[in-house]
Amino acid sequence: MAAASAARAVGRRSRRLFDIFVAEVPWTVSSKELKEYFSQFGSVQRCQLPFDRDTGFHRRYCWIKFSTPEDVQNVLQKDSHILEGSKLALKQQIRRRHSPRKNQSE
């Protein structure tokens, strides 16, 4: 149990490293197709499309990591992104700077 929760925590932290969260991904679209689509806006380093173990289908959302902040801005400047007739919902991931927590007794 502890190992599973630790793995989930690591997964949540690693997702903060991605630039864009994409929702409403059609069932028929693969990570390769997503990477190809977003490559028109810049260099895609990584595309993470999680799958459901029970169903074997992806969960209809993904994270995209670009090489530069300019690539991210290129994606966000386009009004709508449509793949296989479905409009994708994009959200820019905010990279939080880790600051040391202050001791409550101070």
PDB file of N, CA and C in Angstrom:
ATOM      1  N   MET A   1       0.820  -1.194   0.000  1.00  0.00           N
ATOM      2  CA  MET A   1       0.000   0.000   0.000  1.00  0.00           C
ATOM      3  C   MET A   1       0.864   1.258   0.000  1.00  0.00           C
ATOM      4  N   ALA A   2       1.870   1.314   0.864  1.00  0.00           N
ATOM      5  CA  ALA A   2       2.727   2.491   0.959  1.00  0.00           C
ATOM      6  C   ALA A   2       3.487   2.718  -0.334  1.00  0.00           C
ATOM      7  N   ALA A   3       3.916   1.635  -0.972  1.00  0.00           N
ATOM      8  CA  ALA A   3       4.649   1.761  -2.238  1.00  0.00           C
ATOM      9  C   ALA A   3       3.755   2.358  -3.325  1.00  0.00           C
ATOM     10  N   ALA A   4       2.497   1.965  -3.354  1.00  0.00           N
ATOM     11  CA  ALA A   4       1.572   2.488  -4.363  1.00  0.00           C
ATOM     12  C   ALA A   4       1.324   3.979  -4.150  1.00  0.00           C
ATOM     13  N   SER A   5       1.131   4.398  -2.914  1.00  0.00           N
ATOM     14  CA  SER A   5       0.896   5.820  -2.655  1.00  0.00           C
ATOM     15  C   SER A   5       2.150   6.636  -2.929  1.00  0.00           C
ATOM     16  N   ALA A   6       3.319   6.077  -2.668  1.00  0.00           N
ATOM     17  CA  ALA A   6       4.577   6.773  -2.976  1.00  0.00           C
ATOM     18  C   ALA A   6       4.730   6.928  -4.481  1.00  0.00           C
ATOM     19  N   ALA A   7       4.362   5.905  -5.228  1.00  0.00           N
ATOM     20  CA  ALA A   7       4.450   5.975  -6.693  1.00  0.00           C
ATOM     21  C   ALA A   7       3.498   7.037  -7.235  1.00  0.00           C
ATOM     22  N   ARG A   8       2.295   7.131  -6.664  1.00  0.00           N
ATOM     23  CA  ARG A   8       1.348   8.160  -7.103  1.00  0.00           C
ATOM     24  C   ARG A   8       1.892   9.551  -6.808  1.00  0.00           C
ATOM     25  N   ALA A   9       2.510   9.728  -5.655  1.00  0.00           N
ATOM     26  CA  ALA A   9       3.071  11.033  -5.295  1.00  0.00           C
ATOM     27  C   ALA A   9       4.183  11.433  -6.258  1.00  0.00           C
ATOM     28  N   VAL A  10       5.031  10.495  -6.617  1.00  0.00           N
ATOM     29  CA  VAL A  10       6.093  10.774  -7.576  1.00  0.00           C
ATOM     30  C   VAL A  10       5.481  11.145  -8.925  1.00  0.00           C
ATOM     31  N   GLY A  11       4.443  10.440  -9.330  1.00  0.00           N
ATOM     32  CA  GLY A  11       3.757  10.749 -10.583  1.00  0.00           C
ATOM     33  C   GLY A  11       3.182  12.147 -10.590  1.00  0.00           C
ATOM     34  N   ARG A  12       2.584  12.561  -9.483  1.00  0.00           N
ATOM     35  CA  ARG A  12       2.027  13.922  -9.399  1.00  0.00           C
ATOM     36  C   ARG A  12       3.133  14.958  -9.497  1.00  0.00           C
ATOM     37  N   ARG A  13       4.242  14.715  -8.835  1.00  0.00           N
ATOM     38  CA  ARG A  13       5.350  15.666  -8.892  1.00  0.00           C
ATOM     39  C   ARG A  13       5.925  15.745 -10.297  1.00  0.00           C
ATOM     40  N   SER A  14       6.067  14.613 -10.972  1.00  0.00           N
ATOM     41  CA  SER A  14       6.669  14.621 -12.304  1.00  0.00           C
ATOM     42  C   SER A  14       5.779  15.331 -13.306  1.00  0.00           C
ATOM     43  N   ARG A  15       4.466  15.304 -13.113  1.00  0.00           N
ATOM     44  CA  ARG A  15       3.560  15.963 -14.045  1.00  0.00           C
ATOM     45  C   ARG A  15       3.709  17.478 -13.995  1.00  0.00           C
ATOM     46  N   ARG A  16       4.220  18.004 -12.896  1.00  0.00           N
ATOM     47  CA  ARG A  16       4.458  19.443 -12.808  1.00  0.00           C
ATOM     48  C   ARG A  16       5.553  19.884 -13.773  1.00  0.00           C
ATOM     49  N   LEU A  17       6.330  18.940 -14.261  1.00  0.00           N
ATOM     50  CA  LEU A  17       7.404  19.269 -15.185  1.00  0.00           C
ATOM     51  C   LEU A  17       6.908  19.447 -16.615  1.00  0.00           C
ATOM     52  N   PHE A  18       5.650  19.093 -16.870  1.00  0.00           N
ATOM     53  CA  PHE A  18       5.092  19.230 -18.204  1.00  0.00           C
ATOM     54  C   PHE A  18       4.579  20.650 -18.413  1.00  0.00           C
ATOM     55  N   ASP A  19       4.526  21.062 -19.678  1.00  0.00           N
ATOM     56  CA  ASP A  19       4.130  22.426 -20.002  1.00  0.00           C
ATOM     57  C   ASP A  19       2.628  22.589 -20.204  1.00  0.00           C
ATOM     58  N   ILE A  20       1.989  21.584 -20.827  1.00  0.00           N
ATOM     59  CA  ILE A  20       0.580  21.715 -21.183  1.00  0.00           C
ATOM     60  C   ILE A  20      -0.187  20.446 -20.822  1.00  0.00           C
ATOM     61  N   PHE A  21      -1.357  20.642 -20.249  1.00  0.00           N
ATOM     62  CA  PHE A  21      -2.289  19.553 -19.974  1.00  0.00           C
ATOM     63  C   PHE A  21      -3.342  19.607 -21.070  1.00  0.00           C
ATOM     64  N   VAL A  22      -3.621  18.465 -21.692  1.00  0.00           N
ATOM     65  CA  VAL A  22      -4.588  18.389 -22.782  1.00  0.00           C
ATOM     66  C   VAL A  22      -5.707  17.439 -22.378  1.00  0.00           C
ATOM     67  N   ALA A  23      -6.941  17.923 -22.422  1.00  0.00           N
ATOM     68  CA  ALA A  23      -8.112  17.097 -22.096  1.00  0.00           C
ATOM     69  C   ALA A  23      -8.968  16.935 -23.339  1.00  0.00           C
ATOM     70  N   GLU A  24      -9.956  16.057 -23.243  1.00  0.00           N
ATOM     71  CA  GLU A  24     -10.897  15.778 -24.336  1.00  0.00           C
ATOM     72  C   GLU A  24     -10.205  15.140 -25.539  1.00  0.00           C
ATOM     73  N   VAL A  25      -9.182  14.337 -25.282  1.00  0.00           N
ATOM     74  CA  VAL A  25      -8.471  13.641 -26.354  1.00  0.00           C
ATOM     75  C   VAL A  25      -9.368  12.503 -26.860  1.00  0.00           C
ATOM     76  N   PRO A  26      -9.631  12.434 -28.163  1.00  0.00           N
ATOM     77  CA  PRO A  26     -10.467  11.347 -28.685  1.00  0.00           C
ATOM     78  C   PRO A  26      -9.851   9.968 -28.394  1.00  0.00           C
ATOM     79  N   TRP A  27     -10.700   8.978 -28.192  1.00  0.00           N
ATOM     80  CA  TRP A  27     -10.250   7.615 -27.879  1.00  0.00           C
ATOM     81  C   TRP A  27      -9.319   7.060 -28.952  1.00  0.00           C
ATOM     82  N   THR A  28      -9.529   7.487 -30.190  1.00  0.00           N
ATOM     83  CA  THR A  28      -8.801   6.913 -31.317  1.00  0.00           C
ATOM     84  C   THR A  28      -7.427   7.533 -31.542  1.00  0.00           C
ATOM     85  N   VAL A  29      -7.069   8.547 -30.772  1.00  0.00           N
ATOM     86  CA  VAL A  29      -5.791   9.238 -30.952  1.00  0.00           C
ATOM     87  C   VAL A  29      -4.734   8.623 -30.037  1.00  0.00           C
ATOM     88  N   SER A  30      -3.559   8.365 -30.608  1.00  0.00           N
ATOM     89  CA  SER A  30      -2.449   7.776 -29.847  1.00  0.00           C
ATOM     90  C   SER A  30      -1.459   8.862 -29.409  1.00  0.00           C
ATOM     91  N   SER A  31      -0.535   8.502 -28.533  1.00  0.00           N
ATOM     92  CA  SER A  31       0.482   9.454 -28.096  1.00  0.00           C
ATOM     93  C   SER A  31       1.362   9.868 -29.276  1.00  0.00           C
ATOM     94  N   LYS A  32       1.598   8.951 -30.202  1.00  0.00           N
ATOM     95  CA  LYS A  32       2.388   9.276 -31.391  1.00  0.00           C
ATOM     96  C   LYS A  32       1.690  10.352 -32.216  1.00  0.00           C
ATOM     97  N   GLU A  33       0.375  10.214 -32.397  1.00  0.00           N
ATOM     98  CA  GLU A  33      -0.382  11.206 -33.155  1.00  0.00           C
ATOM     99  C   GLU A  33      -0.414  12.557 -32.436  1.00  0.00           C
ATOM    100  N   LEU A  34      -0.540  12.533 -31.120  1.00  0.00           N
ATOM    101  CA  LEU A  34      -0.508  13.779 -30.358  1.00  0.00           C
ATOM    102  C   LEU A  34       0.840  14.472 -30.512  1.00  0.00           C
ATOM    103  N   LYS A  35       1.902  13.692 -30.410  1.00  0.00           N
ATOM    104  CA  LYS A  35       3.246  14.254 -30.544  1.00  0.00           C
ATOM    105  C   LYS A  35       3.437  14.847 -31.938  1.00  0.00           C
ATOM    106  N   GLU A  36       2.970  14.144 -32.960  1.00  0.00           N
ATOM    107  CA  GLU A  36       3.065  14.657 -34.334  1.00  0.00           C
ATOM    108  C   GLU A  36       2.272  15.953 -34.493  1.00  0.00           C
ATOM    109  N   TYR A  37       1.064  15.989 -33.934  1.00  0.00           N
ATOM    110  CA  TYR A  37       0.227  17.187 -34.046  1.00  0.00           C
ATOM    111  C   TYR A  37       0.911  18.384 -33.380  1.00  0.00           C
ATOM    112  N   PHE A  38       1.357  18.218 -32.153  1.00  0.00           N
ATOM    113  CA  PHE A  38       1.936  19.338 -31.415  1.00  0.00           C
ATOM    114  C   PHE A  38       3.328  19.716 -31.906  1.00  0.00           C
ATOM    115  N   SER A  39       3.966  18.864 -32.691  1.00  0.00           N
ATOM    116  CA  SER A  39       5.282  19.169 -33.259  1.00  0.00           C
ATOM    117  C   SER A  39       5.232  20.327 -34.244  1.00  0.00           C
ATOM    118  N   GLN A  40       4.059  20.631 -34.779  1.00  0.00           N
ATOM    119  CA  GLN A  40       3.954  21.768 -35.696  1.00  0.00           C
ATOM    120  C   GLN A  40       4.171  23.098 -34.982  1.00  0.00           C
ATOM    121  N   PHE A  41       4.078  23.103 -33.659  1.00  0.00           N
ATOM    122  CA  PHE A  41       4.252  24.330 -32.881  1.00  0.00           C
ATOM    123  C   PHE A  41       5.649  24.454 -32.285  1.00  0.00           C
ATOM    124  N   GLY A  42       6.405  23.375 -32.303  1.00  0.00           N
ATOM    125  CA  GLY A  42       7.754  23.383 -31.753  1.00  0.00           C
ATOM    126  C   GLY A  42       8.204  21.968 -31.440  1.00  0.00           C
ATOM    127  N   SER A  43       9.341  21.872 -30.825  1.00  0.00           N
ATOM    128  CA  SER A  43       9.932  20.574 -30.523  1.00  0.00           C
ATOM    129  C   SER A  43       9.288  19.951 -29.283  1.00  0.00           C
ATOM    130  N   VAL A  44       8.622  18.817 -29.474  1.00  0.00           N
ATOM    131  CA  VAL A  44       7.977  18.106 -28.371  1.00  0.00           C
ATOM    132  C   VAL A  44       8.985  17.131 -27.775  1.00  0.00           C
ATOM    133  N   GLN A  45       9.294  17.303 -26.505  1.00  0.00           N
ATOM    134  CA  GLN A  45      10.218  16.402 -25.826  1.00  0.00           C
ATOM    135  C   GLN A  45       9.533  15.125 -25.382  1.00  0.00           C
ATOM    136  N   ARG A  46       8.284  15.275 -24.895  1.00  0.00           N
ATOM    137  CA  ARG A  46       7.600  14.118 -24.328  1.00  0.00           C
ATOM    138  C   ARG A  46       6.096  14.303 -24.369  1.00  0.00           C
ATOM    139  N   CYS A  47       5.401  13.195 -24.545  1.00  0.00           N
ATOM    140  CA  CYS A  47       3.945  13.172 -24.482  1.00  0.00           C
ATOM    141  C   CYS A  47       3.563  12.003 -23.574  1.00  0.00           C
ATOM    142  N   GLN A  48       2.885  12.310 -22.494  1.00  0.00           N
ATOM    143  CA  GLN A  48       2.474  11.265 -21.547  1.00  0.00           C
ATOM    144  C   GLN A  48       0.959  11.114 -21.622  1.00  0.00           C
ATOM    145  N   LEU A  49       0.511   9.956 -22.130  1.00  0.00           N
ATOM    146  CA  LEU A  49      -0.906   9.637 -22.299  1.00  0.00           C
ATOM    147  C   LEU A  49      -1.221   8.435 -21.414  1.00  0.00           C
ATOM    148  N   PRO A  50      -1.764   8.663 -20.206  1.00  0.00           N
ATOM    149  CA  PRO A  50      -1.997   7.554 -19.281  1.00  0.00           C
ATOM    150  C   PRO A  50      -3.142   6.633 -19.708  1.00  0.00           C
ATOM    151  N   PHE A  51      -2.956   5.361 -19.431  1.00  0.00           N
ATOM    152  CA  PHE A  51      -3.961   4.344 -19.752  1.00  0.00           C
ATOM    153  C   PHE A  51      -4.600   3.803 -18.486  1.00  0.00           C
ATOM    154  N   ASP A  52      -5.840   3.375 -18.616  1.00  0.00           N
ATOM    155  CA  ASP A  52      -6.569   2.729 -17.528  1.00  0.00           C
ATOM    156  C   ASP A  52      -6.254   1.238 -17.598  1.00  0.00           C
ATOM    157  N   ARG A  53      -5.753   0.690 -16.522  1.00  0.00           N
ATOM    158  CA  ARG A  53      -5.378  -0.732 -16.502  1.00  0.00           C
ATOM    159  C   ARG A  53      -6.572  -1.651 -16.709  1.00  0.00           C
ATOM    160  N   ASP A  54      -7.723  -1.260 -16.180  1.00  0.00           N
ATOM    161  CA  ASP A  54      -8.916  -2.109 -16.265  1.00  0.00           C
ATOM    162  C   ASP A  54      -9.504  -2.162 -17.672  1.00  0.00           C
ATOM    163  N   THR A  55      -9.600  -1.000 -18.327  1.00  0.00           N
ATOM    164  CA  THR A  55     -10.249  -0.961 -19.634  1.00  0.00           C
ATOM    165  C   THR A  55      -9.270  -1.128 -20.793  1.00  0.00           C
ATOM    166  N   GLY A  56      -8.017  -0.758 -20.574  1.00  0.00           N
ATOM    167  CA  GLY A  56      -7.034  -0.811 -21.656  1.00  0.00           C
ATOM    168  C   GLY A  56      -7.067   0.412 -22.558  1.00  0.00           C
ATOM    169  N   PHE A  57      -8.000   1.325 -22.313  1.00  0.00           N
ATOM    170  CA  PHE A  57      -8.097   2.562 -23.094  1.00  0.00           C
ATOM    171  C   PHE A  57      -7.363   3.684 -22.372  1.00  0.00           C
ATOM    172  N   HIS A  58      -6.934   4.690 -23.151  1.00  0.00           N
ATOM    173  CA  HIS A  58      -6.321   5.841 -22.478  1.00  0.00           C
ATOM    174  C   HIS A  58      -7.421   6.664 -21.818  1.00  0.00           C
ATOM    175  N   ARG A  59      -7.006   7.530 -20.926  1.00  0.00           N
ATOM    176  CA  ARG A  59      -7.963   8.245 -20.083  1.00  0.00           C
ATOM    177  C   ARG A  59      -8.464   9.559 -20.671  1.00  0.00           C
ATOM    178  N   ARG A  60      -8.167   9.791 -21.963  1.00  0.00           N
ATOM    179  CA  ARG A  60      -8.641  10.962 -22.699  1.00  0.00           C
ATOM    180  C   ARG A  60      -8.001  12.266 -22.260  1.00  0.00           C
ATOM    181  N   TYR A  61      -6.836  12.180 -21.628  1.00  0.00           N
ATOM    182  CA  TYR A  61      -6.061  13.380 -21.338  1.00  0.00           C
ATOM    183  C   TYR A  61      -4.588  13.024 -21.412  1.00  0.00           C
ATOM    184  N   CYS A  62      -3.763  14.069 -21.555  1.00  0.00           N
ATOM    185  CA  CYS A  62      -2.323  13.834 -21.622  1.00  0.00           C
ATOM    186  C   CYS A  62      -1.581  15.087 -21.173  1.00  0.00           C
ATOM    187  N   TRP A  63      -0.275  14.927 -21.022  1.00  0.00           N
ATOM    188  CA  TRP A  63       0.611  16.036 -20.723  1.00  0.00           C
ATOM    189  C   TRP A  63       1.636  16.118 -21.840  1.00  0.00           C
ATOM    190  N   ILE A  64       1.977  17.347 -22.239  1.00  0.00           N
ATOM    191  CA  ILE A  64       2.947  17.580 -23.302  1.00  0.00           C
ATOM    192  C   ILE A  64       4.085  18.427 -22.740  1.00  0.00           C
ATOM    193  N   LYS A  65       5.319  18.020 -23.050  1.00  0.00           N
ATOM    194  CA  LYS A  65       6.515  18.760 -22.644  1.00  0.00           C
ATOM    195  C   LYS A  65       7.209  19.265 -23.895  1.00  0.00           C
ATOM    196  N   PHE A  66       7.425  20.579 -23.968  1.00  0.00           N
ATOM    197  CA  PHE A  66       8.105  21.205 -25.096  1.00  0.00           C
ATOM    198  C   PHE A  66       9.538  21.568 -24.727  1.00  0.00           C
ATOM    199  N   SER A  67      10.349  21.838 -25.750  1.00  0.00           N
ATOM    200  CA  SER A  67      11.758  22.166 -25.531  1.00  0.00           C
ATOM    201  C   SER A  67      11.955  23.581 -25.015  1.00  0.00           C
ATOM    202  N   THR A  68      11.124  24.512 -25.477  1.00  0.00           N
ATOM    203  CA  THR A  68      11.316  25.913 -25.083  1.00  0.00           C
ATOM    204  C   THR A  68       9.991  26.562 -24.691  1.00  0.00           C
ATOM    205  N   PRO A  69      10.049  27.627 -23.908  1.00  0.00           N
ATOM    206  CA  PRO A  69       8.831  28.380 -23.570  1.00  0.00           C
ATOM    207  C   PRO A  69       8.169  28.997 -24.813  1.00  0.00           C
ATOM    208  N   GLU A  70       8.961  29.305 -25.828  1.00  0.00           N
ATOM    209  CA  GLU A  70       8.411  29.854 -27.066  1.00  0.00           C
ATOM    210  C   GLU A  70       7.504  28.839 -27.749  1.00  0.00           C
ATOM    211  N   ASP A  71       7.876  27.563 -27.699  1.00  0.00           N
ATOM    212  CA  ASP A  71       7.043  26.505 -28.276  1.00  0.00           C
ATOM    213  C   ASP A  71       5.681  26.459 -27.585  1.00  0.00           C
ATOM    214  N   VAL A  72       5.704  26.606 -26.275  1.00  0.00           N
ATOM    215  CA  VAL A  72       4.457  26.592 -25.493  1.00  0.00           C
ATOM    216  C   VAL A  72       3.580  27.768 -25.914  1.00  0.00           C
ATOM    217  N   GLN A  73       4.185  28.943 -26.066  1.00  0.00           N
ATOM    218  CA  GLN A  73       3.421  30.117 -26.468  1.00  0.00           C
ATOM    219  C   GLN A  73       2.832  29.950 -27.867  1.00  0.00           C
ATOM    220  N   ASN A  74       3.570  29.275 -28.760  1.00  0.00           N
ATOM    221  CA  ASN A  74       3.050  29.004 -30.110  1.00  0.00           C
ATOM    222  C   ASN A  74       1.769  28.180 -30.034  1.00  0.00           C
ATOM    223  N   VAL A  75       1.743  27.196 -29.159  1.00  0.00           N
ATOM    224  CA  VAL A  75       0.553  26.345 -29.003  1.00  0.00           C
ATOM    225  C   VAL A  75      -0.610  27.159 -28.441  1.00  0.00           C
ATOM    226  N   LEU A  76      -0.330  27.956 -27.432  1.00  0.00           N
ATOM    227  CA  LEU A  76      -1.386  28.694 -26.749  1.00  0.00           C
ATOM    228  C   LEU A  76      -1.960  29.825 -27.598  1.00  0.00           C
ATOM    229  N   GLN A  77      -1.206  30.297 -28.599  1.00  0.00           N
ATOM    230  CA  GLN A  77      -1.687  31.382 -29.453  1.00  0.00           C
ATOM    231  C   GLN A  77      -2.774  30.920 -30.415  1.00  0.00           C
ATOM    232  N   LYS A  78      -2.795  29.650 -30.725  1.00  0.00           N
ATOM    233  CA  LYS A  78      -3.828  29.140 -31.634  1.00  0.00           C
ATOM    234  C   LYS A  78      -5.155  29.035 -30.878  1.00  0.00           C
ATOM    235  N   ASP A  79      -6.227  29.513 -31.503  1.00  0.00           N
ATOM    236  CA  ASP A  79      -7.533  29.558 -30.845  1.00  0.00           C
ATOM    237  C   ASP A  79      -8.061  28.187 -30.453  1.00  0.00           C
ATOM    238  N   SER A  80      -8.077  27.265 -31.403  1.00  0.00           N
ATOM    239  CA  SER A  80      -8.612  25.949 -31.071  1.00  0.00           C
ATOM    240  C   SER A  80      -7.768  24.865 -31.724  1.00  0.00           C
ATOM    241  N   HIS A  81      -7.716  23.745 -31.045  1.00  0.00           N
ATOM    242  CA  HIS A  81      -6.967  22.582 -31.518  1.00  0.00           C
ATOM    243  C   HIS A  81      -7.977  21.461 -31.721  1.00  0.00           C
ATOM    244  N   ILE A  82      -8.055  20.947 -32.944  1.00  0.00           N
ATOM    245  CA  ILE A  82      -9.042  19.913 -33.260  1.00  0.00           C
ATOM    246  C   ILE A  82      -8.331  18.696 -33.823  1.00  0.00           C
ATOM    247  N   LEU A  83      -8.591  17.547 -33.211  1.00  0.00           N
ATOM    248  CA  LEU A  83      -8.062  16.268 -33.682  1.00  0.00           C
ATOM    249  C   LEU A  83      -9.231  15.323 -33.895  1.00  0.00           C
ATOM    250  N   GLU A  84      -9.297  14.750 -35.071  1.00  0.00           N
ATOM    251  CA  GLU A  84     -10.344  13.792 -35.429  1.00  0.00           C
ATOM    252  C   GLU A  84     -11.744  14.308 -35.087  1.00  0.00           C
ATOM    253  N   GLY A  85     -11.958  15.600 -35.356  1.00  0.00           N
ATOM    254  CA  GLY A  85     -13.270  16.200 -35.159  1.00  0.00           C
ATOM    255  C   GLY A  85     -13.587  16.636 -33.743  1.00  0.00           C
ATOM    256  N   SER A  86     -12.678  16.409 -32.806  1.00  0.00           N
ATOM    257  CA  SER A  86     -12.919  16.796 -31.409  1.00  0.00           C
ATOM    258  C   SER A  86     -12.011  17.960 -31.023  1.00  0.00           C
ATOM    259  N   LYS A  87     -12.600  18.928 -30.348  1.00  0.00           N
ATOM    260  CA  LYS A  87     -11.841  20.085 -29.879  1.00  0.00           C
ATOM    261  C   LYS A  87     -11.121  19.715 -28.580  1.00  0.00           C
ATOM    262  N   LEU A  88      -9.804  19.885 -28.588  1.00  0.00           N
ATOM    263  CA  LEU A  88      -9.001  19.596 -27.402  1.00  0.00           C
ATOM    264  C   LEU A  88      -9.094  20.764 -26.431  1.00  0.00           C
ATOM    265  N   ALA A  89      -9.059  20.466 -25.150  1.00  0.00           N
ATOM    266  CA  ALA A  89      -9.043  21.493 -24.113  1.00  0.00           C
ATOM    267  C   ALA A  89      -7.627  21.567 -23.555  1.00  0.00           C
ATOM    268  N   LEU A  90      -6.959  22.724 -23.723  1.00  0.00           N
ATOM    269  CA  LEU A  90      -5.581  22.895 -23.269  1.00  0.00           C
ATOM    270  C   LEU A  90      -5.510  23.782 -22.053  1.00  0.00           C
ATOM    271  N   LYS A  91      -4.593  23.445 -21.182  1.00  0.00           N
ATOM    272  CA  LYS A  91      -4.354  24.261 -20.001  1.00  0.00           C
ATOM    273  C   LYS A  91      -2.856  24.289 -19.758  1.00  0.00           C
ATOM    274  N   GLN A  92      -2.308  25.483 -19.615  1.00  0.00           N
ATOM    275  CA  GLN A  92      -0.881  25.591 -19.348  1.00  0.00           C
ATOM    276  C   GLN A  92      -0.606  25.187 -17.911  1.00  0.00           C
ATOM    277  N   GLN A  93       0.406  24.351 -17.732  1.00  0.00           N
ATOM    278  CA  GLN A  93       0.805  23.926 -16.398  1.00  0.00           C
ATOM    279  C   GLN A  93       1.655  25.024 -15.775  1.00  0.00           C
ATOM    280  N   ILE A  94       1.388  25.346 -14.548  1.00  0.00           N
ATOM    281  CA  ILE A  94       2.163  26.351 -13.837  1.00  0.00           C
ATOM    282  C   ILE A  94       3.296  25.646 -13.096  1.00  0.00           C
ATOM    283  N   ARG A  95       4.488  26.080 -13.385  1.00  0.00           N
ATOM    284  CA  ARG A  95       5.643  25.483 -12.697  1.00  0.00           C
ATOM    285  C   ARG A  95       5.845  26.225 -11.389  1.00  0.00           C
ATOM    286  N   ARG A  96       5.701  25.512 -10.320  1.00  0.00           N
ATOM    287  CA  ARG A  96       5.841  26.113  -9.001  1.00  0.00           C
ATOM    288  C   ARG A  96       7.276  25.982  -8.534  1.00  0.00           C
ATOM    289  N   ARG A  97       7.766  27.048  -7.994  1.00  0.00           N
ATOM    290  CA  ARG A  97       9.108  26.997  -7.414  1.00  0.00           C
ATOM    291  C   ARG A  97       8.958  26.449  -6.006  1.00  0.00           C
ATOM    292  N   HIS A  98       9.815  25.523  -5.687  1.00  0.00           N
ATOM    293  CA  HIS A  98       9.750  24.933  -4.350  1.00  0.00           C
ATOM    294  C   HIS A  98      10.452  25.863  -3.369  1.00  0.00           C
ATOM    295  N   SER A  99       9.716  26.276  -2.375  1.00  0.00           N
ATOM    296  CA  SER A  99      10.312  27.105  -1.333  1.00  0.00           C
ATOM    297  C   SER A  99      10.295  26.307  -0.038  1.00  0.00           C
ATOM    298  N   PRO A 100      11.327  26.473   0.746  1.00  0.00           N
ATOM    299  CA  PRO A 100      11.362  25.702   1.998  1.00  0.00           C
ATOM    300  C   PRO A 100      10.209  26.129   2.900  1.00  0.00           C
ATOM    301  N   ARG A 101       9.589  25.150   3.522  1.00  0.00           N
ATOM    302  CA  ARG A 101       8.482  25.454   4.432  1.00  0.00           C
ATOM    303  C   ARG A 101       9.040  26.039   5.722  1.00  0.00           C
ATOM    304  N   LYS A 102       8.331  27.051   6.187  1.00  0.00           N
ATOM    305  CA  LYS A 102       8.755  27.670   7.442  1.00  0.00           C
ATOM    306  C   LYS A 102       8.263  26.849   8.608  1.00  0.00           C
ATOM    307  N   ASN A 103       9.055  26.798   9.618  1.00  0.00           N
ATOM    308  CA  ASN A 103       8.686  26.076  10.826  1.00  0.00           C
ATOM    309  C   ASN A 103       7.556  26.846  11.497  1.00  0.00           C
ATOM    310  N   GLN A 104       6.496  26.162  11.835  1.00  0.00           N
ATOM    311  CA  GLN A 104       5.303  26.806  12.414  1.00  0.00           C
ATOM    312  C   GLN A 104       5.602  27.462  13.757  1.00  0.00           C
ATOM    313  N   SER A 105       6.634  27.029  14.452  1.00  0.00           N
ATOM    314  CA  SER A 105       6.923  27.584  15.782  1.00  0.00           C
ATOM    315  C   SER A 105       7.701  28.890  15.703  1.00  0.00           C
ATOM    316  N   GLU A 106       8.174  29.270  14.504  1.00  0.00           N
ATOM    317  CA  GLU A 106       8.955  30.507  14.391  1.00  0.00           C
ATOM    318  C   GLU A 106       8.103  31.728  14.502  1.00  0.00           C
TER     319      GLU A 106
END
